[in-house]
Amino acid sequence: MEQLLVFEPPFFARDGGFIASGAHPALEEARGLRDESRRVIAALEARYRSETTIGSLKIKHNAVLGYFVEVTATHADRLMASAGGRFRHRQTVASAVRFSSDELQELAMKIAEAGERR
């Protein structure tokens, strides 16, 4: 029989962690996003750099915009003209232009939800 609960559960229910690893695939995905979110974002950033051939492209996060793609102003036109409108302009600041994408927003939402699960 498959082990559904951990052998030594936390004392307080608010601490979570009652379900054993591997017992529930959706929970495992959420735990992976929660624990490895920086690596997941870094992998997406590397893929975007490769696909756009913009080496200075970065995915950043702040409290106002959440996650966003940032490039220098010299590369902004390339993202604005991206195929199928993949990147949407969000903000222009003195030294950079910030964009969003559906994929990045969906991933950000999953990461936020994963952080709330225990």
C-alpha atoms as a PDB file:
ATOM      1  CA  MET A   1       0.000   0.000   0.000  1.00  0.00           C
ATOM      2  CA  GLU A   2       1.248   3.473  -0.887  1.00  0.00           C
ATOM      3  CA  GLN A   3       2.314   5.773   1.947  1.00  0.00           C
ATOM      4  CA  LEU A   4       0.062   8.867   1.844  1.00  0.00           C
ATOM      5  CA  LEU A   5       1.097  10.585   5.068  1.00  0.00           C
ATOM      6  CA  VAL A   6       4.540  11.357   6.438  1.00  0.00           C
ATOM      7  CA  PHE A   7       5.780   9.224   9.324  1.00  0.00           C
ATOM      8  CA  GLU A   8       6.271  12.174  11.666  1.00  0.00           C
ATOM      9  CA  PRO A   9       3.776  14.938  10.838  1.00  0.00           C
ATOM     10  CA  PRO A  10       4.343  18.512  12.033  1.00  0.00           C
ATOM     11  CA  PHE A  11       2.891  19.456  15.394  1.00  0.00           C
ATOM     12  CA  PHE A  12       0.839  22.374  14.030  1.00  0.00           C
ATOM     13  CA  ALA A  13      -1.543  21.987  11.080  1.00  0.00           C
ATOM     14  CA  ARG A  14      -0.548  25.461   9.825  1.00  0.00           C
ATOM     15  CA  ASP A  15       2.947  24.110   9.095  1.00  0.00           C
ATOM     16  CA  GLY A  16       1.608  21.730   6.451  1.00  0.00           C
ATOM     17  CA  GLY A  17       3.717  18.861   5.166  1.00  0.00           C
ATOM     18  CA  PHE A  18       1.383  16.018   6.113  1.00  0.00           C
ATOM     19  CA  ILE A  19       1.268  14.372   2.687  1.00  0.00           C
ATOM     20  CA  ALA A  20       4.241  12.186   1.778  1.00  0.00           C
ATOM     21  CA  SER A  21       6.388  12.920  -1.265  1.00  0.00           C
ATOM     22  CA  GLY A  22       5.114  11.177  -4.362  1.00  0.00           C
ATOM     23  CA  ALA A  23       1.625  10.571  -2.990  1.00  0.00           C
ATOM     24  CA  HIS A  24      -0.104  13.222  -5.107  1.00  0.00           C
ATOM     25  CA  PRO A  25       1.248  14.348  -8.528  1.00  0.00           C
ATOM     26  CA  ALA A  26      -0.347  17.832  -8.483  1.00  0.00           C
ATOM     27  CA  LEU A  27       1.045  18.486  -5.017  1.00  0.00           C
ATOM     28  CA  GLU A  28       4.481  17.322  -6.171  1.00  0.00           C
ATOM     29  CA  GLU A  29       4.351  19.803  -9.055  1.00  0.00           C
ATOM     30  CA  ALA A  30       3.404  22.601  -6.638  1.00  0.00           C
ATOM     31  CA  ARG A  31       6.200  21.643  -4.239  1.00  0.00           C
ATOM     32  CA  GLY A  32       8.664  21.592  -7.132  1.00  0.00           C
ATOM     33  CA  LEU A  33       7.637  25.076  -8.231  1.00  0.00           C
ATOM     34  CA  ARG A  34       7.746  26.348  -4.659  1.00  0.00           C
ATOM     35  CA  ASP A  35      11.192  24.904  -3.957  1.00  0.00           C
ATOM     36  CA  GLU A  36      12.772  25.365  -7.392  1.00  0.00           C
ATOM     37  CA  SER A  37      11.110  28.569  -8.626  1.00  0.00           C
ATOM     38  CA  ARG A  38      14.421  30.368  -9.181  1.00  0.00           C
ATOM     39  CA  ARG A  39      15.699  27.551 -11.381  1.00  0.00           C
ATOM     40  CA  VAL A  40      12.423  27.401 -13.313  1.00  0.00           C
ATOM     41  CA  ILE A  41      12.554  31.166 -13.956  1.00  0.00           C
ATOM     42  CA  ALA A  42      16.264  30.936 -14.893  1.00  0.00           C
ATOM     43  CA  ALA A  43      15.480  28.177 -17.410  1.00  0.00           C
ATOM     44  CA  LEU A  44      12.732  30.291 -18.975  1.00  0.00           C
ATOM     45  CA  GLU A  45      15.102  33.276 -19.110  1.00  0.00           C
ATOM     46  CA  ALA A  46      17.748  31.163 -20.852  1.00  0.00           C
ATOM     47  CA  ARG A  47      15.175  29.931 -23.365  1.00  0.00           C
ATOM     48  CA  TYR A  48      13.965  33.475 -24.077  1.00  0.00           C
ATOM     49  CA  ARG A  49      17.577  34.626 -24.552  1.00  0.00           C
ATOM     50  CA  SER A  50      18.197  31.813 -26.990  1.00  0.00           C
ATOM     51  CA  GLU A  51      14.976  32.341 -28.949  1.00  0.00           C
ATOM     52  CA  THR A  52      15.348  36.122 -29.209  1.00  0.00           C
ATOM     53  CA  THR A  53      19.169  36.144 -29.505  1.00  0.00           C
ATOM     54  CA  ILE A  54      19.234  38.993 -26.961  1.00  0.00           C
ATOM     55  CA  GLY A  55      22.001  38.094 -24.530  1.00  0.00           C
ATOM     56  CA  SER A  56      21.164  40.892 -22.097  1.00  0.00           C
ATOM     57  CA  LEU A  57      17.514  39.798 -21.668  1.00  0.00           C
ATOM     58  CA  LYS A  58      16.607  39.236 -18.025  1.00  0.00           C
ATOM     59  CA  ILE A  59      13.548  38.083 -16.138  1.00  0.00           C
ATOM     60  CA  LYS A  60      13.135  40.143 -12.994  1.00  0.00           C
ATOM     61  CA  HIS A  61      10.552  40.567 -10.272  1.00  0.00           C
ATOM     62  CA  ASN A  62       9.284  43.500  -8.256  1.00  0.00           C
ATOM     63  CA  ALA A  63       6.328  44.116  -5.965  1.00  0.00           C
ATOM     64  CA  VAL A  64       4.475  46.305  -8.478  1.00  0.00           C
ATOM     65  CA  LEU A  65       4.776  44.387 -11.762  1.00  0.00           C
ATOM     66  CA  GLY A  66       5.523  40.904 -10.492  1.00  0.00           C
ATOM     67  CA  TYR A  67       7.669  38.976 -12.992  1.00  0.00           C
ATOM     68  CA  PHE A  68       8.670  40.756 -16.190  1.00  0.00           C
ATOM     69  CA  VAL A  69      11.129  40.490 -19.070  1.00  0.00           C
ATOM     70  CA  GLU A  70      13.617  43.351 -19.222  1.00  0.00           C
ATOM     71  CA  VAL A  71      15.815  44.402 -22.144  1.00  0.00           C
ATOM     72  CA  THR A  72      17.792  47.504 -22.962  1.00  0.00           C
ATOM     73  CA  ALA A  73      16.094  50.147 -25.083  1.00  0.00           C
ATOM     74  CA  THR A  74      18.213  49.134 -28.089  1.00  0.00           C
ATOM     75  CA  HIS A  75      16.588  45.670 -28.112  1.00  0.00           C
ATOM     76  CA  ALA A  76      13.031  46.745 -27.305  1.00  0.00           C
ATOM     77  CA  ASP A  77      11.945  47.000 -30.944  1.00  0.00           C
ATOM     78  CA  ARG A  78      12.857  43.359 -31.521  1.00  0.00           C
ATOM     79  CA  LEU A  79      10.562  42.224 -28.737  1.00  0.00           C
ATOM     80  CA  MET A  80       7.775  44.568 -29.794  1.00  0.00           C
ATOM     81  CA  ALA A  81       7.920  43.058 -33.269  1.00  0.00           C
ATOM     82  CA  SER A  82       8.078  39.488 -31.986  1.00  0.00           C
ATOM     83  CA  ALA A  83       6.053  36.903 -33.861  1.00  0.00           C
ATOM     84  CA  GLY A  84       2.423  36.714 -32.818  1.00  0.00           C
ATOM     85  CA  GLY A  85       2.750  39.451 -30.217  1.00  0.00           C
ATOM     86  CA  ARG A  86       4.394  37.056 -27.786  1.00  0.00           C
ATOM     87  CA  PHE A  87       5.804  39.883 -25.672  1.00  0.00           C
ATOM     88  CA  ARG A  88       3.627  42.766 -24.504  1.00  0.00           C
ATOM     89  CA  HIS A  89       5.103  46.112 -23.509  1.00  0.00           C
ATOM     90  CA  ARG A  90       4.557  46.854 -19.807  1.00  0.00           C
ATOM     91  CA  GLN A  91       6.804  49.740 -18.861  1.00  0.00           C
ATOM     92  CA  THR A  92       9.625  51.929 -20.104  1.00  0.00           C
ATOM     93  CA  VAL A  93      12.187  53.231 -17.628  1.00  0.00           C
ATOM     94  CA  ALA A  94      15.328  55.296 -18.219  1.00  0.00           C
ATOM     95  CA  SER A  95      17.644  52.412 -19.025  1.00  0.00           C
ATOM     96  CA  ALA A  96      15.322  49.538 -19.940  1.00  0.00           C
ATOM     97  CA  VAL A  97      12.026  48.409 -21.417  1.00  0.00           C
ATOM     98  CA  ARG A  98       9.911  45.848 -19.623  1.00  0.00           C
ATOM     99  CA  PHE A  99       7.660  43.265 -21.198  1.00  0.00           C
ATOM    100  CA  SER A 100       5.297  40.498 -20.185  1.00  0.00           C
ATOM    101  CA  SER A 101       4.319  37.245 -21.859  1.00  0.00           C
ATOM    102  CA  ASP A 102       1.405  34.879 -21.345  1.00  0.00           C
ATOM    103  CA  GLU A 103       3.813  32.062 -20.505  1.00  0.00           C
ATOM    104  CA  LEU A 104       5.607  34.125 -17.866  1.00  0.00           C
ATOM    105  CA  GLN A 105       2.341  35.300 -16.291  1.00  0.00           C
ATOM    106  CA  GLU A 106       1.001  31.750 -16.141  1.00  0.00           C
ATOM    107  CA  LEU A 107       4.219  30.539 -14.538  1.00  0.00           C
ATOM    108  CA  ALA A 108       4.141  33.417 -12.027  1.00  0.00           C
ATOM    109  CA  MET A 109       0.601  32.486 -11.061  1.00  0.00           C
ATOM    110  CA  LYS A 110       1.583  28.835 -10.568  1.00  0.00           C
ATOM    111  CA  ILE A 111       4.566  29.851  -8.424  1.00  0.00           C
ATOM    112  CA  ALA A 112       2.384  32.108  -6.262  1.00  0.00           C
ATOM    113  CA  GLU A 113      -0.203  29.343  -5.795  1.00  0.00           C
ATOM    114  CA  ALA A 114       2.527  26.824  -5.002  1.00  0.00           C
ATOM    115  CA  GLY A 115       3.874  29.089  -2.282  1.00  0.00           C
ATOM    116  CA  GLU A 116       0.468  29.122  -0.623  1.00  0.00           C
ATOM    117  CA  ARG A 117       0.203  25.321  -0.583  1.00  0.00           C
ATOM    118  CA  ARG A 118       1.983  23.292   2.027  1.00  0.00           C
END
